[in-house]
């Protein structure tokens, strides 16, 4: 197995074990899940901490979420585009929240490994906002609010609606979030 593939396999296996066992995961369990000898882990990663850091960096990497947003067909109706976008964003958040819970983290790591020192998450958040704006902009004339305001609301509800503590275990579906944002909660005009 090529070194990059072996590293990716180990990181993926480590994430699976960390999501279940948190810091209590052993290198033996991770090696077994990856289908490699425990010694192989230490030829790829110097320490268990290095392996955990690599797994966390992989889990918090926004690239798959950004790719998912870019794959949404802008030819779809606005509602379908937004539901798809929220599903992508919520999937990322649910994965992060689950891992944070298992690892007993109160918040994401201060700085993603490999991110610029001055980033602090601002860059990827702006990229997500840009992708959401690109999905909404073709139908801006249908909105009562500026596109940027709807983007903010989508981001806030996707985050809050995905957090198991904030929702008291009743996470919001993407359909519900978009229904509330596009249609509100009030019944039709009684007149």
N, C-alpha and C. Protein backbone atom coordinates (compact mmCIF):
# COMPACT_ATOMS: atom_id res chain seq x y z
N UNK A 1 0.85 -1.17 0.00
CA UNK A 1 0.00 0.00 0.00
C UNK A 1 0.90 1.24 0.00
N UNK A 2 0.67 2.18 -0.91
CA UNK A 2 1.49 3.41 -0.94
C UNK A 2 1.37 4.18 0.38
N UNK A 3 2.43 4.90 0.78
CA UNK A 3 2.43 5.60 2.07
C UNK A 3 1.23 6.54 2.28
N UNK A 4 0.85 7.32 1.27
CA UNK A 4 -0.29 8.25 1.44
C UNK A 4 -1.59 7.49 1.67
N UNK A 5 -1.74 6.38 0.96
CA UNK A 5 -2.94 5.56 1.13
C UNK A 5 -2.96 4.90 2.50
N UNK A 6 -1.80 4.42 2.95
CA UNK A 6 -1.71 3.81 4.27
C UNK A 6 -2.05 4.85 5.35
N UNK A 7 -1.50 6.04 5.21
CA UNK A 7 -1.77 7.11 6.18
C UNK A 7 -3.27 7.43 6.21
N UNK A 8 -3.89 7.56 5.04
CA UNK A 8 -5.32 7.88 4.97
C UNK A 8 -6.16 6.76 5.59
N UNK A 9 -5.77 5.52 5.35
CA UNK A 9 -6.48 4.37 5.92
C UNK A 9 -6.40 4.40 7.44
N UNK A 10 -5.23 4.69 7.95
CA UNK A 10 -5.04 4.74 9.41
C UNK A 10 -5.85 5.89 10.01
N UNK A 11 -5.82 7.05 9.38
CA UNK A 11 -6.56 8.21 9.89
C UNK A 11 -8.06 7.91 9.89
N UNK A 12 -8.56 7.31 8.83
CA UNK A 12 -9.99 6.98 8.76
C UNK A 12 -10.36 5.97 9.84
N UNK A 13 -9.52 4.96 10.03
CA UNK A 13 -9.78 3.97 11.08
C UNK A 13 -9.72 4.63 12.46
N UNK A 14 -8.75 5.49 12.65
CA UNK A 14 -8.62 6.18 13.94
C UNK A 14 -9.88 7.00 14.23
N UNK A 15 -10.39 7.69 13.23
CA UNK A 15 -11.61 8.48 13.44
C UNK A 15 -12.78 7.59 13.86
N UNK A 16 -12.90 6.45 13.23
CA UNK A 16 -13.98 5.53 13.59
C UNK A 16 -13.89 5.10 15.04
N UNK A 17 -12.69 4.79 15.48
CA UNK A 17 -12.49 4.36 16.87
C UNK A 17 -12.64 5.54 17.83
N UNK A 18 -12.09 6.69 17.47
CA UNK A 18 -12.18 7.87 18.34
C UNK A 18 -13.63 8.31 18.52
N UNK A 19 -14.45 8.18 17.49
CA UNK A 19 -15.87 8.56 17.60
C UNK A 19 -16.59 7.69 18.63
N UNK A 20 -16.13 6.46 18.80
CA UNK A 20 -16.77 5.54 19.73
C UNK A 20 -16.12 5.60 21.12
N UNK A 21 -14.79 5.60 21.15
CA UNK A 21 -14.08 5.45 22.44
C UNK A 21 -13.40 6.72 22.92
N UNK A 22 -13.32 7.74 22.09
CA UNK A 22 -12.64 8.96 22.50
C UNK A 22 -11.18 8.70 22.78
N UNK A 23 -10.65 9.44 23.74
CA UNK A 23 -9.22 9.31 24.10
C UNK A 23 -8.87 7.93 24.64
N UNK A 24 -9.87 7.16 25.05
CA UNK A 24 -9.60 5.81 25.57
C UNK A 24 -9.22 4.83 24.47
N UNK A 25 -9.36 5.24 23.21
CA UNK A 25 -8.98 4.36 22.10
C UNK A 25 -7.51 4.01 22.21
N UNK A 26 -7.21 2.75 21.93
CA UNK A 26 -5.82 2.32 21.98
C UNK A 26 -5.25 2.23 20.58
N UNK A 27 -3.95 2.29 20.50
CA UNK A 27 -3.30 2.15 19.19
C UNK A 27 -3.52 0.75 18.64
N UNK A 28 -3.65 -0.23 19.51
CA UNK A 28 -3.93 -1.59 19.05
C UNK A 28 -5.29 -1.63 18.35
N UNK A 29 -6.31 -1.01 18.94
CA UNK A 29 -7.65 -0.98 18.33
C UNK A 29 -7.63 -0.24 16.99
N UNK A 30 -6.89 0.84 16.96
CA UNK A 30 -6.81 1.61 15.71
C UNK A 30 -6.10 0.79 14.64
N UNK A 31 -5.02 0.14 15.00
CA UNK A 31 -4.28 -0.69 14.03
C UNK A 31 -5.17 -1.81 13.50
N UNK A 32 -5.90 -2.48 14.39
CA UNK A 32 -6.80 -3.55 13.95
C UNK A 32 -7.86 -3.01 12.99
N UNK A 33 -8.44 -1.86 13.32
CA UNK A 33 -9.46 -1.27 12.46
C UNK A 33 -8.89 -0.88 11.10
N UNK A 34 -7.62 -0.49 11.09
CA UNK A 34 -6.97 -0.09 9.83
C UNK A 34 -6.43 -1.29 9.06
N UNK A 35 -6.39 -2.44 9.71
CA UNK A 35 -5.87 -3.63 9.05
C UNK A 35 -4.36 -3.61 8.90
N UNK A 36 -3.68 -2.98 9.88
CA UNK A 36 -2.22 -2.92 9.85
C UNK A 36 -1.69 -3.36 11.21
N UNK A 37 -0.40 -3.65 11.27
CA UNK A 37 0.23 -3.99 12.54
C UNK A 37 0.38 -2.72 13.37
N UNK A 38 0.33 -2.87 14.67
CA UNK A 38 0.46 -1.71 15.56
C UNK A 38 1.77 -0.97 15.31
N UNK A 39 2.83 -1.71 15.02
CA UNK A 39 4.12 -1.07 14.73
C UNK A 39 4.06 -0.18 13.51
N UNK A 40 3.18 -0.52 12.56
CA UNK A 40 3.03 0.30 11.35
C UNK A 40 2.53 1.70 11.71
N UNK A 41 1.65 1.76 12.72
CA UNK A 41 1.16 3.08 13.14
C UNK A 41 2.31 4.00 13.50
N UNK A 42 3.29 3.43 14.21
CA UNK A 42 4.39 4.24 14.70
C UNK A 42 5.49 4.47 13.66
N UNK A 43 5.37 3.82 12.52
CA UNK A 43 6.24 4.16 11.39
C UNK A 43 5.60 5.31 10.60
N UNK A 44 4.29 5.43 10.70
CA UNK A 44 3.57 6.50 9.99
C UNK A 44 3.43 7.73 10.89
N UNK A 45 3.16 7.52 12.17
CA UNK A 45 2.99 8.60 13.15
C UNK A 45 3.95 8.35 14.31
N UNK A 46 4.64 9.39 14.73
CA UNK A 46 5.63 9.22 15.81
C UNK A 46 4.97 8.79 17.11
N UNK A 47 3.80 9.39 17.43
CA UNK A 47 3.15 9.11 18.70
C UNK A 47 1.64 8.96 18.48
N UNK A 48 0.98 8.45 19.50
CA UNK A 48 -0.48 8.37 19.45
C UNK A 48 -1.06 9.78 19.33
N UNK A 49 -0.46 10.72 20.03
CA UNK A 49 -0.93 12.12 19.96
C UNK A 49 -0.85 12.65 18.53
N UNK A 50 0.23 12.34 17.81
CA UNK A 50 0.35 12.77 16.41
C UNK A 50 -0.77 12.17 15.56
N UNK A 51 -1.07 10.89 15.82
CA UNK A 51 -2.14 10.22 15.09
C UNK A 51 -3.48 10.88 15.40
N UNK A 52 -3.75 11.13 16.67
CA UNK A 52 -5.02 11.76 17.06
C UNK A 52 -5.13 13.16 16.43
N UNK A 53 -4.04 13.91 16.45
CA UNK A 53 -4.05 15.25 15.84
C UNK A 53 -4.33 15.16 14.34
N UNK A 54 -3.75 14.19 13.66
CA UNK A 54 -3.99 14.03 12.22
C UNK A 54 -5.45 13.65 11.97
N UNK A 55 -5.99 12.79 12.81
CA UNK A 55 -7.40 12.39 12.66
C UNK A 55 -8.32 13.57 12.91
N UNK A 56 -8.03 14.36 13.93
CA UNK A 56 -8.85 15.53 14.23
C UNK A 56 -8.77 16.55 13.09
N UNK A 57 -7.59 16.75 12.56
CA UNK A 57 -7.44 17.69 11.44
C UNK A 57 -8.27 17.22 10.25
N UNK A 58 -8.25 15.93 10.01
CA UNK A 58 -9.03 15.37 8.91
C UNK A 58 -10.53 15.58 9.15
N UNK A 59 -10.97 15.33 10.38
CA UNK A 59 -12.39 15.45 10.71
C UNK A 59 -12.89 16.89 10.60
N UNK A 60 -12.05 17.84 10.95
CA UNK A 60 -12.46 19.24 10.93
C UNK A 60 -12.15 19.93 9.61
N UNK A 61 -11.58 19.20 8.68
CA UNK A 61 -11.27 19.77 7.36
C UNK A 61 -12.56 20.13 6.63
N UNK A 62 -12.74 21.39 6.27
CA UNK A 62 -13.98 21.81 5.60
C UNK A 62 -14.02 21.48 4.10
N UNK A 63 -12.93 20.97 3.55
CA UNK A 63 -12.88 20.73 2.10
C UNK A 63 -14.01 19.83 1.60
N UNK A 64 -14.31 18.70 2.26
CA UNK A 64 -15.42 17.87 1.75
C UNK A 64 -16.76 18.61 1.77
N UNK A 65 -16.98 19.44 2.80
CA UNK A 65 -18.22 20.21 2.86
C UNK A 65 -18.27 21.22 1.70
N UNK A 66 -17.17 21.90 1.46
CA UNK A 66 -17.11 22.86 0.37
C UNK A 66 -17.32 22.17 -0.97
N UNK A 67 -16.70 21.01 -1.15
CA UNK A 67 -16.89 20.24 -2.39
C UNK A 67 -18.36 19.85 -2.55
N UNK A 68 -18.98 19.42 -1.45
CA UNK A 68 -20.40 19.05 -1.50
C UNK A 68 -21.27 20.23 -1.92
N UNK A 69 -20.97 21.40 -1.40
CA UNK A 69 -21.75 22.59 -1.79
C UNK A 69 -21.54 22.92 -3.27
N UNK A 70 -20.32 22.76 -3.73
CA UNK A 70 -20.02 23.09 -5.14
C UNK A 70 -20.67 22.11 -6.11
N UNK A 71 -21.02 20.92 -5.62
CA UNK A 71 -21.63 19.92 -6.49
C UNK A 71 -23.14 20.08 -6.63
N UNK A 72 -23.74 20.99 -5.88
CA UNK A 72 -25.18 21.19 -5.97
C UNK A 72 -25.51 21.90 -7.28
N UNK A 73 -26.45 21.36 -7.99
CA UNK A 73 -26.85 21.88 -9.30
C UNK A 73 -27.60 23.20 -9.14
N UNK A 74 -27.02 24.30 -9.65
CA UNK A 74 -27.68 25.60 -9.55
C UNK A 74 -28.92 25.68 -10.44
N UNK A 75 -29.14 24.68 -11.26
CA UNK A 75 -30.34 24.62 -12.09
C UNK A 75 -31.55 24.11 -11.33
N UNK A 76 -31.35 23.56 -10.14
CA UNK A 76 -32.47 23.09 -9.32
C UNK A 76 -33.27 24.29 -8.81
N UNK A 77 -34.53 24.06 -8.46
CA UNK A 77 -35.29 25.14 -7.82
C UNK A 77 -34.62 25.57 -6.51
N UNK A 78 -34.83 26.82 -6.13
CA UNK A 78 -34.19 27.39 -4.95
C UNK A 78 -34.37 26.52 -3.71
N UNK A 79 -35.59 26.10 -3.44
CA UNK A 79 -35.85 25.28 -2.24
C UNK A 79 -35.00 24.01 -2.25
N UNK A 80 -34.93 23.32 -3.37
CA UNK A 80 -34.14 22.09 -3.46
C UNK A 80 -32.65 22.36 -3.28
N UNK A 81 -32.19 23.46 -3.88
CA UNK A 81 -30.77 23.82 -3.71
C UNK A 81 -30.45 24.07 -2.24
N UNK A 82 -31.34 24.80 -1.56
CA UNK A 82 -31.09 25.14 -0.16
C UNK A 82 -31.18 23.92 0.75
N UNK A 83 -32.15 23.05 0.51
CA UNK A 83 -32.25 21.83 1.31
C UNK A 83 -30.97 21.01 1.13
N UNK A 84 -30.51 20.87 -0.11
CA UNK A 84 -29.27 20.12 -0.36
C UNK A 84 -28.08 20.77 0.35
N UNK A 85 -28.02 22.10 0.29
CA UNK A 85 -26.91 22.81 0.94
C UNK A 85 -26.93 22.60 2.45
N UNK A 86 -28.11 22.70 3.05
CA UNK A 86 -28.20 22.51 4.50
C UNK A 86 -27.85 21.07 4.86
N UNK A 87 -28.25 20.10 4.06
CA UNK A 87 -27.88 18.71 4.33
C UNK A 87 -26.36 18.54 4.34
N UNK A 88 -25.68 19.19 3.40
CA UNK A 88 -24.22 19.10 3.34
C UNK A 88 -23.60 19.73 4.59
N UNK A 89 -24.04 20.94 4.92
CA UNK A 89 -23.48 21.66 6.06
C UNK A 89 -23.80 20.91 7.36
N UNK A 90 -25.03 20.45 7.52
CA UNK A 90 -25.39 19.72 8.73
C UNK A 90 -24.60 18.42 8.87
N UNK A 91 -24.34 17.75 7.76
CA UNK A 91 -23.54 16.52 7.83
C UNK A 91 -22.17 16.81 8.42
N UNK A 92 -21.57 17.90 8.00
CA UNK A 92 -20.26 18.30 8.53
C UNK A 92 -20.36 18.61 10.02
N UNK A 93 -21.36 19.40 10.38
CA UNK A 93 -21.53 19.75 11.79
C UNK A 93 -21.82 18.54 12.67
N UNK A 94 -22.69 17.65 12.22
CA UNK A 94 -23.01 16.46 13.02
C UNK A 94 -21.76 15.61 13.24
N UNK A 95 -20.94 15.46 12.20
CA UNK A 95 -19.70 14.71 12.36
C UNK A 95 -18.78 15.37 13.38
N UNK A 96 -18.66 16.71 13.28
CA UNK A 96 -17.81 17.44 14.22
C UNK A 96 -18.34 17.34 15.64
N UNK A 97 -19.65 17.55 15.82
CA UNK A 97 -20.22 17.51 17.17
C UNK A 97 -20.08 16.12 17.78
N UNK A 98 -20.30 15.08 16.98
CA UNK A 98 -20.15 13.72 17.49
C UNK A 98 -18.73 13.43 17.95
N UNK A 99 -17.77 13.85 17.15
CA UNK A 99 -16.37 13.64 17.51
C UNK A 99 -16.00 14.47 18.73
N UNK A 100 -16.45 15.71 18.77
CA UNK A 100 -16.17 16.56 19.93
C UNK A 100 -16.73 15.94 21.20
N UNK A 101 -17.92 15.39 21.12
CA UNK A 101 -18.52 14.75 22.29
C UNK A 101 -17.68 13.55 22.74
N UNK A 102 -17.31 12.71 21.79
CA UNK A 102 -16.51 11.53 22.12
C UNK A 102 -15.16 11.91 22.71
N UNK A 103 -14.59 12.98 22.19
CA UNK A 103 -13.27 13.40 22.65
C UNK A 103 -13.35 14.35 23.85
N UNK A 104 -14.58 14.60 24.30
CA UNK A 104 -14.83 15.48 25.45
C UNK A 104 -14.27 16.88 25.24
N UNK A 105 -14.49 17.39 24.04
CA UNK A 105 -14.08 18.75 23.71
C UNK A 105 -15.27 19.69 23.85
N UNK A 106 -15.07 20.80 24.51
CA UNK A 106 -16.14 21.78 24.64
C UNK A 106 -16.27 22.67 23.42
N UNK A 107 -15.23 22.69 22.61
CA UNK A 107 -15.22 23.48 21.39
C UNK A 107 -14.20 22.88 20.43
N UNK A 108 -14.29 23.26 19.16
CA UNK A 108 -13.31 22.73 18.20
C UNK A 108 -11.89 23.16 18.59
N UNK A 109 -10.91 22.48 18.06
CA UNK A 109 -9.53 22.90 18.34
C UNK A 109 -9.37 24.38 17.97
N UNK A 110 -8.57 25.08 18.74
CA UNK A 110 -8.38 26.52 18.53
C UNK A 110 -7.93 26.81 17.09
N UNK A 111 -7.06 25.98 16.59
CA UNK A 111 -6.54 26.20 15.25
C UNK A 111 -6.43 24.85 14.58
N UNK A 112 -7.00 24.77 13.38
CA UNK A 112 -6.88 23.53 12.63
C UNK A 112 -5.42 23.32 12.26
N UNK A 113 -4.86 22.13 12.51
CA UNK A 113 -3.49 21.87 12.08
C UNK A 113 -3.37 22.08 10.57
N UNK A 114 -2.35 22.80 10.18
CA UNK A 114 -2.13 23.07 8.76
C UNK A 114 -2.77 24.36 8.30
N UNK A 115 -3.64 24.97 9.13
CA UNK A 115 -4.26 26.24 8.75
C UNK A 115 -3.28 27.37 9.05
N UNK A 116 -3.37 28.48 8.31
CA UNK A 116 -2.49 29.61 8.62
C UNK A 116 -2.72 30.08 10.05
N UNK A 117 -1.66 30.63 10.68
CA UNK A 117 -1.74 31.06 12.08
C UNK A 117 -2.84 32.09 12.31
N UNK A 118 -3.14 32.92 11.33
CA UNK A 118 -4.13 33.97 11.52
C UNK A 118 -5.52 33.56 11.04
N UNK A 119 -5.72 32.31 10.69
CA UNK A 119 -6.99 31.86 10.10
C UNK A 119 -8.12 31.80 11.13
N UNK A 120 -7.97 31.01 12.18
CA UNK A 120 -8.99 30.83 13.22
C UNK A 120 -10.36 30.52 12.63
N UNK A 121 -10.42 29.84 11.50
CA UNK A 121 -11.69 29.41 10.92
C UNK A 121 -12.35 30.43 10.01
N UNK A 122 -11.85 31.65 9.98
CA UNK A 122 -12.51 32.70 9.20
C UNK A 122 -12.50 32.38 7.71
N UNK A 123 -11.42 31.84 7.22
CA UNK A 123 -11.29 31.58 5.79
C UNK A 123 -12.32 30.56 5.31
N UNK A 124 -12.44 29.42 5.99
CA UNK A 124 -13.38 28.40 5.53
C UNK A 124 -14.81 28.88 5.70
N UNK A 125 -15.09 29.64 6.75
CA UNK A 125 -16.45 30.16 6.92
C UNK A 125 -16.82 31.08 5.77
N UNK A 126 -15.87 31.90 5.36
CA UNK A 126 -16.13 32.80 4.24
C UNK A 126 -16.35 32.00 2.96
N UNK A 127 -15.61 30.93 2.79
CA UNK A 127 -15.80 30.08 1.61
C UNK A 127 -17.19 29.44 1.61
N UNK A 128 -17.66 28.99 2.77
CA UNK A 128 -19.00 28.41 2.88
C UNK A 128 -20.03 29.48 2.53
N UNK A 129 -19.87 30.67 3.08
CA UNK A 129 -20.79 31.77 2.78
C UNK A 129 -20.80 32.08 1.29
N UNK A 130 -19.63 32.11 0.69
CA UNK A 130 -19.53 32.38 -0.76
C UNK A 130 -20.27 31.32 -1.57
N UNK A 131 -20.11 30.03 -1.18
CA UNK A 131 -20.79 28.95 -1.90
C UNK A 131 -22.30 29.06 -1.73
N UNK A 132 -22.75 29.39 -0.52
CA UNK A 132 -24.18 29.55 -0.29
C UNK A 132 -24.73 30.73 -1.08
N UNK A 133 -23.99 31.82 -1.11
CA UNK A 133 -24.42 32.99 -1.91
C UNK A 133 -24.55 32.62 -3.38
N UNK A 134 -23.60 31.85 -3.90
CA UNK A 134 -23.65 31.44 -5.30
C UNK A 134 -24.89 30.58 -5.58
N UNK A 135 -25.31 29.80 -4.59
CA UNK A 135 -26.50 28.96 -4.76
C UNK A 135 -27.80 29.76 -4.68
N UNK A 136 -27.79 30.84 -3.92
CA UNK A 136 -29.00 31.63 -3.71
C UNK A 136 -29.14 32.77 -4.71
N UNK A 137 -28.04 33.37 -5.10
CA UNK A 137 -28.05 34.58 -5.92
C UNK A 137 -28.93 34.51 -7.17
N UNK A 138 -28.99 33.38 -7.89
CA UNK A 138 -29.84 33.36 -9.09
C UNK A 138 -31.32 33.66 -8.80
N UNK A 139 -31.74 33.49 -7.55
CA UNK A 139 -33.14 33.72 -7.19
C UNK A 139 -33.30 34.87 -6.19
N UNK A 140 -32.35 35.78 -6.17
CA UNK A 140 -32.38 36.90 -5.23
C UNK A 140 -33.67 37.71 -5.36
N UNK A 141 -34.23 37.78 -6.57
CA UNK A 141 -35.44 38.57 -6.79
C UNK A 141 -36.67 37.97 -6.09
N UNK A 142 -36.59 36.73 -5.64
CA UNK A 142 -37.70 36.09 -4.94
C UNK A 142 -37.68 36.35 -3.43
N UNK A 143 -36.61 36.97 -2.95
CA UNK A 143 -36.41 37.13 -1.51
C UNK A 143 -36.83 38.51 -1.01
N UNK A 144 -37.30 38.54 0.26
CA UNK A 144 -37.63 39.81 0.92
C UNK A 144 -36.42 40.37 1.65
N UNK A 145 -35.36 39.59 1.74
CA UNK A 145 -34.14 40.00 2.43
C UNK A 145 -32.96 39.88 1.46
N UNK A 146 -31.89 40.61 1.73
CA UNK A 146 -30.70 40.46 0.90
C UNK A 146 -30.15 39.03 0.98
N UNK A 147 -29.51 38.59 -0.08
CA UNK A 147 -28.93 37.25 -0.13
C UNK A 147 -28.01 37.00 1.06
N UNK A 148 -27.19 37.99 1.40
CA UNK A 148 -26.25 37.83 2.52
C UNK A 148 -26.98 37.55 3.83
N UNK A 149 -28.14 38.17 4.02
CA UNK A 149 -28.92 37.92 5.25
C UNK A 149 -29.45 36.48 5.27
N UNK A 150 -29.93 35.99 4.14
CA UNK A 150 -30.40 34.61 4.09
C UNK A 150 -29.25 33.64 4.32
N UNK A 151 -28.08 33.95 3.77
CA UNK A 151 -26.90 33.11 3.99
C UNK A 151 -26.59 33.03 5.49
N UNK A 152 -26.63 34.17 6.17
CA UNK A 152 -26.37 34.18 7.62
C UNK A 152 -27.39 33.31 8.36
N UNK A 153 -28.66 33.43 7.99
CA UNK A 153 -29.70 32.66 8.66
C UNK A 153 -29.55 31.16 8.39
N UNK A 154 -29.23 30.81 7.16
CA UNK A 154 -28.99 29.40 6.83
C UNK A 154 -27.86 28.85 7.69
N UNK A 155 -26.76 29.61 7.78
CA UNK A 155 -25.61 29.18 8.57
C UNK A 155 -25.95 29.02 10.04
N UNK A 156 -26.66 29.99 10.58
CA UNK A 156 -27.02 29.94 12.00
C UNK A 156 -27.95 28.77 12.31
N UNK A 157 -28.99 28.59 11.50
CA UNK A 157 -29.93 27.50 11.77
C UNK A 157 -29.33 26.13 11.48
N UNK A 158 -28.48 26.05 10.48
CA UNK A 158 -27.82 24.76 10.20
C UNK A 158 -26.93 24.38 11.37
N UNK A 159 -26.20 25.35 11.93
CA UNK A 159 -25.33 25.08 13.07
C UNK A 159 -26.17 24.72 14.30
N UNK A 160 -27.04 25.63 14.68
CA UNK A 160 -27.83 25.42 15.90
C UNK A 160 -28.75 24.21 15.77
N UNK A 161 -29.32 24.02 14.59
CA UNK A 161 -30.25 22.92 14.38
C UNK A 161 -29.59 21.56 14.31
N UNK A 162 -28.26 21.55 14.24
CA UNK A 162 -27.50 20.30 14.19
C UNK A 162 -26.88 19.94 15.53
N UNK A 163 -26.86 20.88 16.44
CA UNK A 163 -26.19 20.68 17.72
C UNK A 163 -27.12 19.93 18.69
N UNK A 164 -26.74 18.73 19.11
CA UNK A 164 -27.63 17.92 19.93
C UNK A 164 -27.97 18.55 21.28
N UNK A 165 -27.10 19.37 21.83
CA UNK A 165 -27.40 20.03 23.10
C UNK A 165 -28.35 21.20 22.88
N UNK A 166 -28.06 22.02 21.89
CA UNK A 166 -28.91 23.18 21.61
C UNK A 166 -30.33 22.76 21.22
N UNK A 167 -30.45 21.64 20.54
CA UNK A 167 -31.78 21.18 20.11
C UNK A 167 -32.39 20.19 21.10
N UNK A 168 -31.71 19.96 22.20
CA UNK A 168 -32.16 19.00 23.21
C UNK A 168 -32.44 17.63 22.59
N UNK A 169 -31.58 17.25 21.66
CA UNK A 169 -31.68 15.94 21.02
C UNK A 169 -32.67 15.86 19.87
N UNK A 170 -33.31 16.96 19.54
CA UNK A 170 -34.29 16.98 18.44
C UNK A 170 -33.73 17.85 17.30
N UNK A 171 -32.70 17.36 16.66
CA UNK A 171 -32.07 18.16 15.61
C UNK A 171 -33.08 18.47 14.51
N UNK A 172 -32.89 19.63 13.91
CA UNK A 172 -33.79 20.08 12.85
C UNK A 172 -33.39 19.46 11.52
N UNK A 173 -34.37 19.07 10.75
CA UNK A 173 -34.07 18.55 9.41
C UNK A 173 -33.79 19.72 8.48
N UNK A 174 -33.09 19.44 7.41
CA UNK A 174 -32.81 20.46 6.40
C UNK A 174 -34.12 21.00 5.82
N UNK A 175 -35.09 20.12 5.61
CA UNK A 175 -36.40 20.55 5.10
C UNK A 175 -37.06 21.56 6.04
N UNK A 176 -37.02 21.27 7.34
CA UNK A 176 -37.63 22.18 8.32
C UNK A 176 -36.93 23.53 8.32
N UNK A 177 -35.61 23.51 8.32
CA UNK A 177 -34.85 24.77 8.32
C UNK A 177 -35.22 25.61 7.12
N UNK A 178 -35.26 25.02 5.94
CA UNK A 178 -35.55 25.79 4.74
C UNK A 178 -37.02 26.20 4.70
N UNK A 179 -37.90 25.35 5.18
CA UNK A 179 -39.31 25.72 5.24
C UNK A 179 -39.51 26.96 6.11
N UNK A 180 -38.87 26.98 7.26
CA UNK A 180 -38.97 28.13 8.16
C UNK A 180 -38.37 29.37 7.50
N UNK A 181 -37.23 29.23 6.87
CA UNK A 181 -36.57 30.39 6.28
C UNK A 181 -37.31 30.93 5.05
N UNK A 182 -37.83 30.04 4.23
CA UNK A 182 -38.49 30.52 3.01
C UNK A 182 -39.97 30.83 3.22
N UNK A 183 -40.65 30.10 4.12
CA UNK A 183 -42.09 30.25 4.26
C UNK A 183 -42.51 30.80 5.61
N UNK A 184 -41.63 30.80 6.58
CA UNK A 184 -42.02 31.24 7.91
C UNK A 184 -42.84 30.17 8.62
N UNK A 185 -43.41 30.55 9.74
CA UNK A 185 -44.20 29.59 10.52
C UNK A 185 -45.67 29.99 10.63
N UNK A 186 -46.03 31.10 10.04
CA UNK A 186 -47.39 31.58 10.13
C UNK A 186 -48.24 30.98 9.02
N UNK A 187 -49.48 30.67 9.32
CA UNK A 187 -50.40 30.17 8.29
C UNK A 187 -50.63 31.24 7.25
N UNK A 188 -51.14 30.83 6.12
CA UNK A 188 -51.41 31.76 5.03
C UNK A 188 -52.29 32.93 5.45
N UNK A 189 -52.32 33.97 4.66
CA UNK A 189 -53.10 35.19 4.93
C UNK A 189 -54.59 34.83 5.11
N UNK A 190 -55.20 35.20 6.28
CA UNK A 190 -56.59 34.84 6.51
C UNK A 190 -57.56 35.59 5.62
N UNK A 191 -57.16 36.62 4.97
CA UNK A 191 -58.08 37.41 4.13
C UNK A 191 -58.40 36.79 2.83
